Amino acid sequence: MKRWPVVFFAVLMIAVGVIWFFQGIGVLPGSFMTGDPKWAWIGGIVFIVGLGVLWFARGAKKGEG
């Protein structure tokens, strides 16, 4: 199984999570999410899940022979 799509998806999740977090805390303006703490929480969760997926993808490579 190729792992680059999983790594790409994980990096995309991390980037989106960071953007949503900073919009939620009001650092990145210009969206309906700006200043809404709900989006900071969602962004943080998406970021952590993205890190988990990336960690899993790295571990999957070691398991392949």
Protein backbone atom coordinates (compact mmCIF):
# COMPACT_ATOMS: atom_id res chain seq x y z
CA MET A 1 0.00 0.00 0.00
CA LYS A 2 1.30 3.41 -0.90
CA ARG A 3 1.48 5.68 2.09
CA TRP A 4 1.92 9.05 0.39
CA PRO A 5 -1.86 9.68 0.13
CA VAL A 6 -2.19 9.08 3.87
CA VAL A 7 0.74 11.38 4.62
CA PHE A 8 -0.72 14.04 2.30
CA PHE A 9 -4.11 13.78 4.01
CA ALA A 10 -2.47 14.00 7.45
CA VAL A 11 -0.46 17.10 6.52
CA LEU A 12 -3.61 18.66 5.07
CA MET A 13 -5.47 17.96 8.32
CA ILE A 14 -2.66 19.51 10.33
CA ALA A 15 -2.65 22.65 8.17
CA VAL A 16 -6.44 23.03 8.29
CA GLY A 17 -6.42 22.47 12.05
CA VAL A 18 -3.85 25.21 12.56
CA ILE A 19 -5.80 27.64 10.35
CA TRP A 20 -9.09 26.90 12.11
CA PHE A 21 -7.45 27.23 15.52
CA PHE A 22 -5.97 30.63 14.73
CA GLN A 23 -9.24 31.81 13.21
CA GLY A 24 -11.08 30.63 16.31
CA ILE A 25 -8.84 32.61 18.64
CA GLY A 26 -9.12 35.68 16.40
CA VAL A 27 -5.56 35.80 15.01
CA LEU A 28 -6.55 35.14 11.37
CA PRO A 29 -9.40 37.46 10.35
CA GLY A 30 -11.70 37.32 7.37
CA SER A 31 -14.05 34.43 8.06
CA PHE A 32 -17.24 33.63 9.91
CA MET A 33 -14.99 31.49 12.16
CA THR A 34 -12.94 34.47 13.35
CA GLY A 35 -13.24 34.96 17.09
CA ASP A 36 -15.49 31.92 17.63
CA PRO A 37 -13.89 29.67 20.28
CA LYS A 38 -15.80 26.68 18.90
CA TRP A 39 -13.51 26.75 15.85
CA ALA A 40 -10.43 26.92 18.04
CA TRP A 41 -11.53 23.66 19.68
CA ILE A 42 -12.41 22.03 16.37
CA GLY A 43 -9.11 23.17 14.87
CA GLY A 44 -7.18 21.78 17.82
CA ILE A 45 -8.92 18.43 17.52
CA VAL A 46 -8.33 18.25 13.75
CA PHE A 47 -4.66 19.13 14.32
CA ILE A 48 -4.23 16.35 16.91
CA VAL A 49 -6.02 13.81 14.73
CA GLY A 50 -3.80 14.81 11.81
CA LEU A 51 -0.71 14.24 13.95
CA GLY A 52 -2.08 10.83 14.90
CA VAL A 53 -2.68 9.89 11.28
CA LEU A 54 0.82 11.05 10.38
CA TRP A 55 2.31 9.03 13.24
CA PHE A 56 0.30 5.98 12.14
CA ALA A 57 1.52 6.39 8.54
CA ARG A 58 5.13 6.49 9.74
CA GLY A 59 4.60 3.34 11.78
CA ALA A 60 2.97 1.57 8.85
CA LYS A 61 6.17 1.90 6.85
CA LYS A 62 8.18 0.14 9.55
CA GLY A 63 5.71 -2.76 9.59
CA GLU A 64 6.06 -3.37 5.87
CA GLY A 65 8.79 -5.81 5.03
